Amino acid sequence: MANIQSAKKRIITSERRRKHNASCRSMIRTFIKKVHVAIATGDKIIALNAFSVMQPLVDRQASKGLIHKNKAARYKSNLISKIKLMPECKASNNRSSIESNLE
């Protein structure tokens, strides 16, 4: 345990930042999983919508230094390439069930 006041404060603030960063990393992973689920369902429109929600979040966290910019680029590149390989989908009747899986 630290004896100096500034060191005690650094312990508290670093713990607070660690929790916040863990929360942000978890949020990024959750949105990436939503894109993967949308790709697995086979609906290209929902996959593109999920990707468009995920992309600015990943970019924002990369610019803040939470994740490396190359890792953010790799996430986006891999997901968009999987989406582009998907066939164009027709209007699906079970859209509500797919959207409920994303939430």
C-alpha atoms as a PDB file:
ATOM      1  CA  MET A   1       0.000   0.000   0.000  1.00  0.00           C
ATOM      2  CA  ALA A   2       1.235   3.452  -0.854  1.00  0.00           C
ATOM      3  CA  ASN A   3       2.137   5.929   1.857  1.00  0.00           C
ATOM      4  CA  ILE A   4       2.371   9.069  -0.250  1.00  0.00           C
ATOM      5  CA  GLN A   5      -0.878  10.931  -0.851  1.00  0.00           C
ATOM      6  CA  SER A   6      -0.366  11.289  -4.614  1.00  0.00           C
ATOM      7  CA  ALA A   7       0.363   7.569  -4.925  1.00  0.00           C
ATOM      8  CA  LYS A   8      -2.842   6.757  -3.034  1.00  0.00           C
ATOM      9  CA  LYS A   9      -4.767   8.991  -5.411  1.00  0.00           C
ATOM     10  CA  ARG A  10      -3.144   7.319  -8.436  1.00  0.00           C
ATOM     11  CA  ILE A  11      -4.263   3.905  -7.153  1.00  0.00           C
ATOM     12  CA  ILE A  12      -7.847   5.124  -6.897  1.00  0.00           C
ATOM     13  CA  THR A  13      -7.883   6.865 -10.279  1.00  0.00           C
ATOM     14  CA  SER A  14      -6.153   4.009 -12.079  1.00  0.00           C
ATOM     15  CA  GLU A  15      -8.704   1.557 -10.686  1.00  0.00           C
ATOM     16  CA  ARG A  16     -11.532   3.827 -11.849  1.00  0.00           C
ATOM     17  CA  ARG A  17      -9.994   4.086 -15.332  1.00  0.00           C
ATOM     18  CA  ARG A  18      -9.423   0.321 -15.473  1.00  0.00           C
ATOM     19  CA  LYS A  19     -13.114  -0.315 -14.793  1.00  0.00           C
ATOM     20  CA  HIS A  20     -14.166   2.247 -17.399  1.00  0.00           C
ATOM     21  CA  ASN A  21     -11.801   0.829 -20.017  1.00  0.00           C
ATOM     22  CA  ALA A  22     -13.020  -2.703 -19.313  1.00  0.00           C
ATOM     23  CA  SER A  23     -16.585  -1.513 -19.810  1.00  0.00           C
ATOM     24  CA  CYS A  24     -15.711   0.142 -23.125  1.00  0.00           C
ATOM     25  CA  ARG A  25     -13.853  -2.943 -24.368  1.00  0.00           C
ATOM     26  CA  SER A  26     -16.834  -5.087 -23.431  1.00  0.00           C
ATOM     27  CA  MET A  27     -19.146  -2.737 -25.329  1.00  0.00           C
ATOM     28  CA  ILE A  28     -16.976  -3.020 -28.443  1.00  0.00           C
ATOM     29  CA  ARG A  29     -16.989  -6.820 -28.215  1.00  0.00           C
ATOM     30  CA  THR A  30     -20.771  -6.828 -27.786  1.00  0.00           C
ATOM     31  CA  PHE A  31     -21.334  -4.763 -30.919  1.00  0.00           C
ATOM     32  CA  ILE A  32     -18.914  -6.951 -32.889  1.00  0.00           C
ATOM     33  CA  LYS A  33     -20.840 -10.025 -31.725  1.00  0.00           C
ATOM     34  CA  LYS A  34     -24.075  -8.396 -32.915  1.00  0.00           C
ATOM     35  CA  VAL A  35     -22.575  -8.061 -36.385  1.00  0.00           C
ATOM     36  CA  HIS A  36     -21.475 -11.716 -36.283  1.00  0.00           C
ATOM     37  CA  VAL A  37     -24.998 -12.781 -35.264  1.00  0.00           C
ATOM     38  CA  ALA A  38     -26.481 -10.740 -38.104  1.00  0.00           C
ATOM     39  CA  ILE A  39     -24.066 -12.364 -40.554  1.00  0.00           C
ATOM     40  CA  ALA A  40     -24.952 -15.819 -39.214  1.00  0.00           C
ATOM     41  CA  THR A  41     -28.668 -15.192 -39.733  1.00  0.00           C
ATOM     42  CA  GLY A  42     -27.990 -14.424 -43.379  1.00  0.00           C
ATOM     43  CA  ASP A  43     -29.756 -11.071 -43.563  1.00  0.00           C
ATOM     44  CA  LYS A  44     -27.418  -8.645 -45.302  1.00  0.00           C
ATOM     45  CA  ILE A  45     -29.479  -5.537 -44.480  1.00  0.00           C
ATOM     46  CA  ILE A  46     -29.437  -6.206 -40.746  1.00  0.00           C
ATOM     47  CA  ALA A  47     -25.739  -7.059 -40.931  1.00  0.00           C
ATOM     48  CA  LEU A  48     -24.998  -3.748 -42.654  1.00  0.00           C
ATOM     49  CA  ASN A  49     -27.074  -1.870 -40.081  1.00  0.00           C
ATOM     50  CA  ALA A  50     -25.263  -3.579 -37.216  1.00  0.00           C
ATOM     51  CA  PHE A  51     -21.929  -2.816 -38.882  1.00  0.00           C
ATOM     52  CA  SER A  52     -22.837   0.850 -39.329  1.00  0.00           C
ATOM     53  CA  VAL A  53     -23.562   1.061 -35.594  1.00  0.00           C
ATOM     54  CA  MET A  54     -20.354  -0.766 -34.658  1.00  0.00           C
ATOM     55  CA  GLN A  55     -17.949   1.111 -36.930  1.00  0.00           C
ATOM     56  CA  PRO A  56     -17.984   4.575 -35.287  1.00  0.00           C
ATOM     57  CA  LEU A  57     -17.697   3.021 -31.829  1.00  0.00           C
ATOM     58  CA  VAL A  58     -14.596   1.079 -32.806  1.00  0.00           C
ATOM     59  CA  ASP A  59     -13.103   4.139 -34.506  1.00  0.00           C
ATOM     60  CA  ARG A  60     -13.783   6.299 -31.465  1.00  0.00           C
ATOM     61  CA  GLN A  61     -12.133   3.861 -29.067  1.00  0.00           C
ATOM     62  CA  ALA A  62      -9.161   3.472 -31.417  1.00  0.00           C
ATOM     63  CA  SER A  63      -8.676   7.238 -31.563  1.00  0.00           C
ATOM     64  CA  LYS A  64      -8.723   7.360 -27.757  1.00  0.00           C
ATOM     65  CA  GLY A  65      -6.119   4.606 -27.598  1.00  0.00           C
ATOM     66  CA  LEU A  66      -8.275   1.962 -25.960  1.00  0.00           C
ATOM     67  CA  ILE A  67      -7.543  -0.411 -28.824  1.00  0.00           C
ATOM     68  CA  HIS A  68      -4.814  -0.110 -31.427  1.00  0.00           C
ATOM     69  CA  LYS A  69      -5.791   1.559 -34.704  1.00  0.00           C
ATOM     70  CA  ASN A  70      -4.618  -1.476 -36.700  1.00  0.00           C
ATOM     71  CA  LYS A  71      -6.791  -3.770 -34.587  1.00  0.00           C
ATOM     72  CA  ALA A  72      -9.784  -1.520 -35.234  1.00  0.00           C
ATOM     73  CA  ALA A  73      -9.032  -1.600 -38.955  1.00  0.00           C
ATOM     74  CA  ARG A  74      -8.729  -5.395 -38.831  1.00  0.00           C
ATOM     75  CA  TYR A  75     -12.108  -5.733 -37.092  1.00  0.00           C
ATOM     76  CA  LYS A  76     -13.798  -3.549 -39.687  1.00  0.00           C
ATOM     77  CA  SER A  77     -12.058  -5.156 -42.654  1.00  0.00           C
ATOM     78  CA  ASN A  78     -12.870  -8.717 -41.610  1.00  0.00           C
ATOM     79  CA  LEU A  79     -16.512  -7.959 -40.896  1.00  0.00           C
ATOM     80  CA  ILE A  80     -17.189  -5.939 -44.044  1.00  0.00           C
ATOM     81  CA  SER A  81     -15.560  -8.631 -46.182  1.00  0.00           C
ATOM     82  CA  LYS A  82     -17.854 -11.247 -44.615  1.00  0.00           C
ATOM     83  CA  ILE A  83     -20.848  -8.990 -45.255  1.00  0.00           C
ATOM     84  CA  LYS A  84     -19.849  -8.470 -48.886  1.00  0.00           C
ATOM     85  CA  LEU A  85     -19.695 -12.233 -49.411  1.00  0.00           C
ATOM     86  CA  MET A  86     -23.311 -12.564 -48.281  1.00  0.00           C
ATOM     87  CA  PRO A  87     -25.906 -12.960 -51.037  1.00  0.00           C
ATOM     88  CA  GLU A  88     -28.478 -10.235 -51.477  1.00  0.00           C
ATOM     89  CA  CYS A  89     -31.481 -11.169 -49.387  1.00  0.00           C
ATOM     90  CA  LYS A  90     -35.107 -10.909 -50.311  1.00  0.00           C
ATOM     91  CA  ALA A  91     -37.714  -9.492 -47.972  1.00  0.00           C
ATOM     92  CA  SER A  92     -37.822 -11.939 -45.100  1.00  0.00           C
ATOM     93  CA  ASN A  93     -40.960 -12.694 -43.147  1.00  0.00           C
ATOM     94  CA  ASN A  94     -39.101 -13.422 -39.918  1.00  0.00           C
ATOM     95  CA  ARG A  95     -37.377 -10.037 -39.652  1.00  0.00           C
ATOM     96  CA  SER A  96     -38.799  -9.377 -36.179  1.00  0.00           C
ATOM     97  CA  SER A  97     -37.284 -12.575 -34.800  1.00  0.00           C
ATOM     98  CA  ILE A  98     -33.883 -11.684 -36.256  1.00  0.00           C
ATOM     99  CA  GLU A  99     -34.012  -8.164 -34.842  1.00  0.00           C
ATOM    100  CA  SER A 100     -34.924  -9.525 -31.420  1.00  0.00           C
ATOM    101  CA  ASN A 101     -31.768 -11.693 -31.533  1.00  0.00           C
ATOM    102  CA  LEU A 102     -29.659  -8.587 -32.039  1.00  0.00           C
ATOM    103  CA  GLU A 103     -30.909  -6.921 -28.881  1.00  0.00           C
END
